[in-house]
Amino acid sequence: MGESITVNHEFSGPVHRLRRLRITFEGAETKWEGQRARGVPKSRTTWRPARERCFIEESIVDTSDASAIAFGRHTVTVPFTTVPTITKHDGSHRIEWWVRVWGDTKFLPNVDERFPIDVPSA
């Protein structure tokens, strides 16, 4: 925490179809619900995400400049007050971090991808 992360991006192919590119650093808490059929032991509970609450969204890139969309290198600093990644849910919640890439495209579905990252405890 308090460390910098370098984000590189490069698109190939018909980049001119991307009208806008947004890259963000996000952290979210995901609440989980357990489901199991009547008579099934607790050890066979199926967990699914019930609700996600984004508690930080820091913009890394937000551009419609074609040359900046094609490729770039950016740095983001993880805040000192950041909660570390918690991936093992105990039946209540998880803390997850990712870099999100969103692109508005012409004549195609928009790009919306998350790339998970691990934020270690201090």
N, C-alpha and C. Protein backbone atom coordinates (compact mmCIF):
# COMPACT_ATOMS: atom_id res chain seq x y z
N MET A 1 0.84 -1.17 0.00
CA MET A 1 0.00 0.00 0.00
C MET A 1 0.89 1.23 0.00
N GLY A 2 0.48 2.24 -0.75
CA GLY A 2 1.30 3.41 -0.94
C GLY A 2 2.30 3.21 -2.07
N GLU A 3 2.28 2.03 -2.67
CA GLU A 3 3.19 1.73 -3.77
C GLU A 3 2.52 2.07 -5.11
N SER A 4 3.36 2.21 -6.13
CA SER A 4 2.86 2.54 -7.46
C SER A 4 2.69 1.28 -8.30
N ILE A 5 1.70 1.32 -9.17
CA ILE A 5 1.44 0.26 -10.12
C ILE A 5 1.55 0.88 -11.51
N THR A 6 2.30 0.24 -12.39
CA THR A 6 2.42 0.72 -13.76
C THR A 6 1.46 -0.07 -14.64
N VAL A 7 0.66 0.65 -15.41
CA VAL A 7 -0.32 0.04 -16.30
C VAL A 7 0.08 0.38 -17.73
N ASN A 8 0.36 -0.66 -18.52
CA ASN A 8 0.65 -0.49 -19.94
C ASN A 8 -0.54 -1.01 -20.73
N HIS A 9 -0.89 -0.30 -21.78
CA HIS A 9 -1.94 -0.81 -22.67
C HIS A 9 -1.53 -0.62 -24.12
N GLU A 10 -1.95 -1.57 -24.94
CA GLU A 10 -1.69 -1.49 -26.38
C GLU A 10 -2.78 -2.27 -27.10
N PHE A 11 -3.41 -1.62 -28.05
CA PHE A 11 -4.44 -2.26 -28.85
C PHE A 11 -3.90 -2.47 -30.25
N SER A 12 -4.23 -3.60 -30.85
CA SER A 12 -3.86 -3.86 -32.24
C SER A 12 -5.15 -4.04 -33.04
N GLY A 13 -5.01 -4.05 -34.32
CA GLY A 13 -6.19 -4.18 -35.16
C GLY A 13 -6.81 -2.83 -35.46
N PRO A 14 -8.10 -2.80 -35.74
CA PRO A 14 -8.75 -1.54 -36.12
C PRO A 14 -9.01 -0.63 -34.91
N VAL A 15 -7.95 -0.01 -34.42
CA VAL A 15 -8.03 0.85 -33.23
C VAL A 15 -8.92 2.07 -33.48
N HIS A 16 -9.05 2.48 -34.73
CA HIS A 16 -9.88 3.64 -35.07
C HIS A 16 -11.35 3.45 -34.68
N ARG A 17 -11.75 2.20 -34.43
CA ARG A 17 -13.13 1.94 -34.01
C ARG A 17 -13.37 2.29 -32.54
N LEU A 18 -12.30 2.41 -31.75
CA LEU A 18 -12.45 2.83 -30.36
C LEU A 18 -12.61 4.34 -30.32
N ARG A 19 -13.77 4.79 -29.87
CA ARG A 19 -14.03 6.24 -29.81
C ARG A 19 -13.58 6.84 -28.48
N ARG A 20 -13.59 6.04 -27.44
CA ARG A 20 -13.20 6.53 -26.11
C ARG A 20 -12.63 5.37 -25.31
N LEU A 21 -11.62 5.67 -24.49
CA LEU A 21 -10.99 4.66 -23.63
C LEU A 21 -10.94 5.18 -22.21
N ARG A 22 -11.40 4.35 -21.29
CA ARG A 22 -11.29 4.65 -19.85
C ARG A 22 -10.61 3.48 -19.16
N ILE A 23 -9.60 3.78 -18.37
CA ILE A 23 -8.95 2.77 -17.54
C ILE A 23 -9.00 3.28 -16.11
N THR A 24 -9.52 2.45 -15.20
CA THR A 24 -9.65 2.85 -13.80
C THR A 24 -9.06 1.79 -12.89
N PHE A 25 -8.64 2.23 -11.71
CA PHE A 25 -8.20 1.35 -10.63
C PHE A 25 -9.35 1.30 -9.65
N GLU A 26 -9.89 0.11 -9.38
CA GLU A 26 -11.09 -0.01 -8.57
C GLU A 26 -10.92 -1.03 -7.45
N GLY A 27 -11.58 -0.75 -6.34
CA GLY A 27 -11.65 -1.68 -5.23
C GLY A 27 -13.10 -1.81 -4.82
N ALA A 28 -13.52 -3.03 -4.51
CA ALA A 28 -14.92 -3.26 -4.16
C ALA A 28 -15.05 -4.32 -3.09
N GLU A 29 -16.09 -4.18 -2.32
CA GLU A 29 -16.47 -5.20 -1.34
C GLU A 29 -17.67 -5.94 -1.93
N THR A 30 -17.56 -7.25 -1.96
CA THR A 30 -18.64 -8.07 -2.49
C THR A 30 -19.27 -8.84 -1.35
N LYS A 31 -20.56 -8.64 -1.16
CA LYS A 31 -21.31 -9.42 -0.16
C LYS A 31 -21.70 -10.74 -0.80
N TRP A 32 -21.64 -11.79 -0.01
CA TRP A 32 -21.94 -13.13 -0.51
C TRP A 32 -23.13 -13.72 0.22
N GLU A 33 -23.91 -14.53 -0.51
CA GLU A 33 -25.03 -15.26 0.07
C GLU A 33 -24.80 -16.75 -0.14
N GLY A 34 -25.14 -17.51 0.86
CA GLY A 34 -25.04 -18.96 0.74
C GLY A 34 -26.39 -19.56 0.42
N GLN A 35 -26.41 -20.56 -0.46
CA GLN A 35 -27.64 -21.25 -0.81
C GLN A 35 -27.42 -22.75 -0.73
N ARG A 36 -28.36 -23.43 -0.16
CA ARG A 36 -28.29 -24.89 -0.16
C ARG A 36 -29.71 -25.44 -0.07
N ALA A 37 -29.88 -26.59 -0.61
CA ALA A 37 -31.19 -27.23 -0.61
C ALA A 37 -31.48 -27.78 0.77
N ARG A 38 -32.74 -27.92 1.09
CA ARG A 38 -33.16 -28.47 2.38
C ARG A 38 -32.58 -29.89 2.56
N GLY A 39 -31.99 -30.14 3.70
CA GLY A 39 -31.43 -31.45 4.00
C GLY A 39 -29.99 -31.63 3.54
N VAL A 40 -29.44 -30.63 2.86
CA VAL A 40 -28.05 -30.71 2.38
C VAL A 40 -27.14 -30.16 3.48
N PRO A 41 -26.00 -30.83 3.77
CA PRO A 41 -25.12 -30.34 4.83
C PRO A 41 -24.50 -28.98 4.49
N LYS A 42 -24.15 -28.22 5.55
CA LYS A 42 -23.57 -26.88 5.38
C LYS A 42 -22.32 -26.90 4.52
N SER A 43 -21.56 -27.98 4.58
CA SER A 43 -20.32 -28.07 3.80
C SER A 43 -20.57 -28.02 2.29
N ARG A 44 -21.82 -28.24 1.87
CA ARG A 44 -22.14 -28.23 0.44
C ARG A 44 -22.92 -26.98 0.05
N THR A 45 -22.73 -25.90 0.82
CA THR A 45 -23.38 -24.63 0.51
C THR A 45 -22.78 -24.02 -0.74
N THR A 46 -23.62 -23.51 -1.60
CA THR A 46 -23.18 -22.81 -2.81
C THR A 46 -23.19 -21.32 -2.53
N TRP A 47 -22.04 -20.67 -2.72
CA TRP A 47 -21.93 -19.24 -2.47
C TRP A 47 -22.01 -18.48 -3.79
N ARG A 48 -22.72 -17.35 -3.76
CA ARG A 48 -22.81 -16.50 -4.95
C ARG A 48 -22.77 -15.04 -4.51
N PRO A 49 -22.21 -14.18 -5.37
CA PRO A 49 -22.18 -12.76 -5.02
C PRO A 49 -23.59 -12.18 -5.03
N ALA A 50 -23.94 -11.45 -3.99
CA ALA A 50 -25.26 -10.86 -3.89
C ALA A 50 -25.25 -9.37 -4.19
N ARG A 51 -24.16 -8.68 -3.80
CA ARG A 51 -24.11 -7.23 -3.99
C ARG A 51 -22.66 -6.79 -4.02
N GLU A 52 -22.36 -5.82 -4.85
CA GLU A 52 -21.00 -5.30 -4.95
C GLU A 52 -21.04 -3.80 -4.67
N ARG A 53 -20.13 -3.34 -3.80
CA ARG A 53 -20.05 -1.91 -3.49
C ARG A 53 -18.64 -1.44 -3.77
N CYS A 54 -18.50 -0.59 -4.79
CA CYS A 54 -17.20 -0.05 -5.16
C CYS A 54 -16.86 1.08 -4.17
N PHE A 55 -15.73 0.94 -3.45
CA PHE A 55 -15.35 1.97 -2.48
C PHE A 55 -14.23 2.87 -2.95
N ILE A 56 -13.60 2.54 -4.07
CA ILE A 56 -12.62 3.44 -4.68
C ILE A 56 -12.63 3.23 -6.18
N GLU A 57 -12.59 4.34 -6.91
CA GLU A 57 -12.48 4.29 -8.36
C GLU A 57 -11.59 5.47 -8.76
N GLU A 58 -10.37 5.14 -9.09
CA GLU A 58 -9.39 6.16 -9.44
C GLU A 58 -9.12 6.09 -10.93
N SER A 59 -9.32 7.22 -11.61
CA SER A 59 -9.12 7.27 -13.06
C SER A 59 -7.64 7.23 -13.41
N ILE A 60 -7.28 6.36 -14.32
CA ILE A 60 -5.91 6.28 -14.83
C ILE A 60 -5.85 6.95 -16.20
N VAL A 61 -6.82 6.63 -17.05
CA VAL A 61 -6.91 7.21 -18.40
C VAL A 61 -8.37 7.45 -18.70
N ASP A 62 -8.66 8.57 -19.33
CA ASP A 62 -10.00 8.84 -19.87
C ASP A 62 -9.78 9.73 -21.08
N THR A 63 -9.78 9.13 -22.26
CA THR A 63 -9.40 9.87 -23.46
C THR A 63 -10.20 9.44 -24.67
N SER A 64 -10.31 10.36 -25.62
CA SER A 64 -10.85 10.03 -26.93
C SER A 64 -9.83 10.38 -28.02
N ASP A 65 -8.60 10.68 -27.61
CA ASP A 65 -7.50 10.95 -28.53
C ASP A 65 -7.00 9.62 -29.12
N ALA A 66 -7.06 9.48 -30.45
CA ALA A 66 -6.73 8.21 -31.11
C ALA A 66 -5.32 7.73 -30.80
N SER A 67 -4.34 8.63 -30.74
CA SER A 67 -2.97 8.19 -30.47
C SER A 67 -2.80 7.72 -29.03
N ALA A 68 -3.53 8.30 -28.09
CA ALA A 68 -3.47 7.87 -26.68
C ALA A 68 -4.24 6.56 -26.47
N ILE A 69 -5.23 6.31 -27.32
CA ILE A 69 -6.00 5.06 -27.21
C ILE A 69 -5.16 3.88 -27.69
N ALA A 70 -4.40 4.05 -28.73
CA ALA A 70 -3.63 2.96 -29.34
C ALA A 70 -2.65 2.32 -28.36
N PHE A 71 -1.91 3.13 -27.61
CA PHE A 71 -0.98 2.59 -26.62
C PHE A 71 -0.66 3.67 -25.59
N GLY A 72 -0.19 3.21 -24.43
CA GLY A 72 0.17 4.15 -23.37
C GLY A 72 0.76 3.44 -22.18
N ARG A 73 1.40 4.23 -21.31
CA ARG A 73 1.99 3.74 -20.07
C ARG A 73 1.59 4.73 -18.98
N HIS A 74 1.01 4.22 -17.89
CA HIS A 74 0.47 5.08 -16.84
C HIS A 74 0.82 4.50 -15.47
N THR A 75 0.89 5.38 -14.49
CA THR A 75 1.20 4.96 -13.12
C THR A 75 0.09 5.41 -12.19
N VAL A 76 -0.29 4.51 -11.29
CA VAL A 76 -1.29 4.83 -10.27
C VAL A 76 -0.70 4.42 -8.92
N THR A 77 -0.95 5.23 -7.89
CA THR A 77 -0.46 4.92 -6.55
C THR A 77 -1.60 4.37 -5.72
N VAL A 78 -1.35 3.22 -5.09
CA VAL A 78 -2.34 2.60 -4.21
C VAL A 78 -2.37 3.42 -2.92
N PRO A 79 -3.53 3.94 -2.50
CA PRO A 79 -3.59 4.77 -1.29
C PRO A 79 -3.15 4.00 -0.04
N PHE A 80 -2.55 4.74 0.92
CA PHE A 80 -2.08 4.12 2.16
C PHE A 80 -3.22 3.54 2.98
N THR A 81 -4.41 4.11 2.87
CA THR A 81 -5.56 3.67 3.66
C THR A 81 -6.30 2.50 3.04
N THR A 82 -5.68 1.85 2.08
CA THR A 82 -6.32 0.77 1.33
C THR A 82 -6.45 -0.51 2.15
N VAL A 83 -7.59 -1.15 2.00
CA VAL A 83 -7.82 -2.46 2.60
C VAL A 83 -7.19 -3.50 1.69
N PRO A 84 -6.43 -4.46 2.23
CA PRO A 84 -5.81 -5.47 1.36
C PRO A 84 -6.85 -6.40 0.73
N THR A 85 -6.41 -7.11 -0.29
CA THR A 85 -7.26 -8.08 -0.96
C THR A 85 -7.63 -9.20 0.01
N ILE A 86 -8.92 -9.54 0.06
CA ILE A 86 -9.41 -10.68 0.85
C ILE A 86 -10.20 -11.54 -0.13
N THR A 87 -9.62 -12.66 -0.54
CA THR A 87 -10.29 -13.49 -1.55
C THR A 87 -11.01 -14.68 -0.95
N LYS A 88 -10.66 -15.06 0.25
CA LYS A 88 -11.37 -16.17 0.90
C LYS A 88 -12.58 -15.59 1.62
N HIS A 89 -13.75 -15.87 1.10
CA HIS A 89 -14.93 -15.35 1.77
C HIS A 89 -15.33 -16.27 2.91
N ASP A 90 -15.78 -15.67 3.97
CA ASP A 90 -16.19 -16.43 5.15
C ASP A 90 -17.71 -16.53 5.22
N GLY A 91 -18.34 -16.34 4.09
CA GLY A 91 -19.79 -16.37 4.08
C GLY A 91 -20.38 -14.99 4.16
N SER A 92 -19.53 -13.95 4.23
CA SER A 92 -20.09 -12.61 4.33
C SER A 92 -19.57 -11.67 3.25
N HIS A 93 -18.25 -11.57 3.07
CA HIS A 93 -17.77 -10.61 2.07
C HIS A 93 -16.35 -10.92 1.60
N ARG A 94 -16.00 -10.25 0.49
CA ARG A 94 -14.64 -10.28 -0.08
C ARG A 94 -14.24 -8.85 -0.40
N ILE A 95 -12.95 -8.58 -0.38
CA ILE A 95 -12.40 -7.32 -0.86
C ILE A 95 -11.57 -7.65 -2.09
N GLU A 96 -11.91 -7.04 -3.20
CA GLU A 96 -11.23 -7.34 -4.46
C GLU A 96 -10.80 -6.05 -5.14
N TRP A 97 -9.69 -6.12 -5.87
CA TRP A 97 -9.12 -4.99 -6.59
C TRP A 97 -8.90 -5.38 -8.04
N TRP A 98 -9.05 -4.43 -8.94
CA TRP A 98 -8.80 -4.70 -10.35
C TRP A 98 -8.51 -3.40 -11.09
N VAL A 99 -7.94 -3.58 -12.27
CA VAL A 99 -7.82 -2.49 -13.24
C VAL A 99 -8.90 -2.78 -14.26
N ARG A 100 -9.75 -1.79 -14.48
CA ARG A 100 -10.87 -1.96 -15.41
C ARG A 100 -10.60 -1.18 -16.69
N VAL A 101 -10.81 -1.84 -17.82
CA VAL A 101 -10.64 -1.21 -19.13
C VAL A 101 -12.01 -1.17 -19.79
N TRP A 102 -12.42 0.05 -20.14
CA TRP A 102 -13.71 0.24 -20.80
C TRP A 102 -13.48 1.04 -22.07
N GLY A 103 -14.04 0.59 -23.17
CA GLY A 103 -13.89 1.28 -24.44
C GLY A 103 -15.21 1.37 -25.17
N ASP A 104 -15.50 2.56 -25.69
CA ASP A 104 -16.69 2.79 -26.50
C ASP A 104 -16.30 2.56 -27.96
N THR A 105 -16.96 1.61 -28.62
CA THR A 105 -16.57 1.24 -29.98
C THR A 105 -17.68 1.55 -30.98
N LYS A 106 -17.28 1.74 -32.23
CA LYS A 106 -18.23 1.94 -33.33
C LYS A 106 -18.65 0.58 -33.87
N PHE A 107 -19.93 0.37 -34.00
CA PHE A 107 -20.51 -0.79 -34.68
C PHE A 107 -20.19 -2.14 -34.04
N LEU A 108 -19.61 -2.16 -32.85
CA LEU A 108 -19.29 -3.41 -32.16
C LEU A 108 -19.69 -3.27 -30.69
N PRO A 109 -19.79 -4.38 -29.97
CA PRO A 109 -20.05 -4.26 -28.53
C PRO A 109 -18.89 -3.52 -27.84
N ASN A 110 -19.21 -2.78 -26.82
CA ASN A 110 -18.19 -2.04 -26.08
C ASN A 110 -17.25 -3.00 -25.36
N VAL A 111 -16.04 -2.53 -25.09
CA VAL A 111 -15.05 -3.28 -24.32
C VAL A 111 -15.32 -2.98 -22.85
N ASP A 112 -15.37 -4.00 -22.01
CA ASP A 112 -15.51 -3.81 -20.56
C ASP A 112 -14.89 -5.03 -19.88
N GLU A 113 -13.63 -4.90 -19.51
CA GLU A 113 -12.89 -6.01 -18.93
C GLU A 113 -12.27 -5.60 -17.60
N ARG A 114 -12.21 -6.55 -16.67
CA ARG A 114 -11.55 -6.35 -15.37
C ARG A 114 -10.33 -7.26 -15.30
N PHE A 115 -9.22 -6.70 -14.82
CA PHE A 115 -8.00 -7.46 -14.63
C PHE A 115 -7.67 -7.43 -13.14
N PRO A 116 -7.89 -8.54 -12.42
CA PRO A 116 -7.69 -8.56 -10.98
C PRO A 116 -6.23 -8.34 -10.59
N ILE A 117 -6.02 -7.64 -9.50
CA ILE A 117 -4.69 -7.46 -8.94
C ILE A 117 -4.74 -7.75 -7.45
N ASP A 118 -3.61 -8.10 -6.89
CA ASP A 118 -3.52 -8.41 -5.47
C ASP A 118 -2.92 -7.22 -4.74
N VAL A 119 -3.63 -6.71 -3.74
CA VAL A 119 -3.11 -5.65 -2.89
C VAL A 119 -2.75 -6.29 -1.55
N PRO A 120 -1.47 -6.48 -1.27
CA PRO A 120 -1.06 -7.15 -0.03
C PRO A 120 -1.26 -6.26 1.18
N SER A 121 -1.34 -6.89 2.35
CA SER A 121 -1.44 -6.11 3.59
C SER A 121 -0.09 -5.49 3.90
N ALA A 122 -0.12 -4.40 4.66
CA ALA A 122 1.11 -3.68 4.98
C ALA A 122 2.01 -4.45 5.91
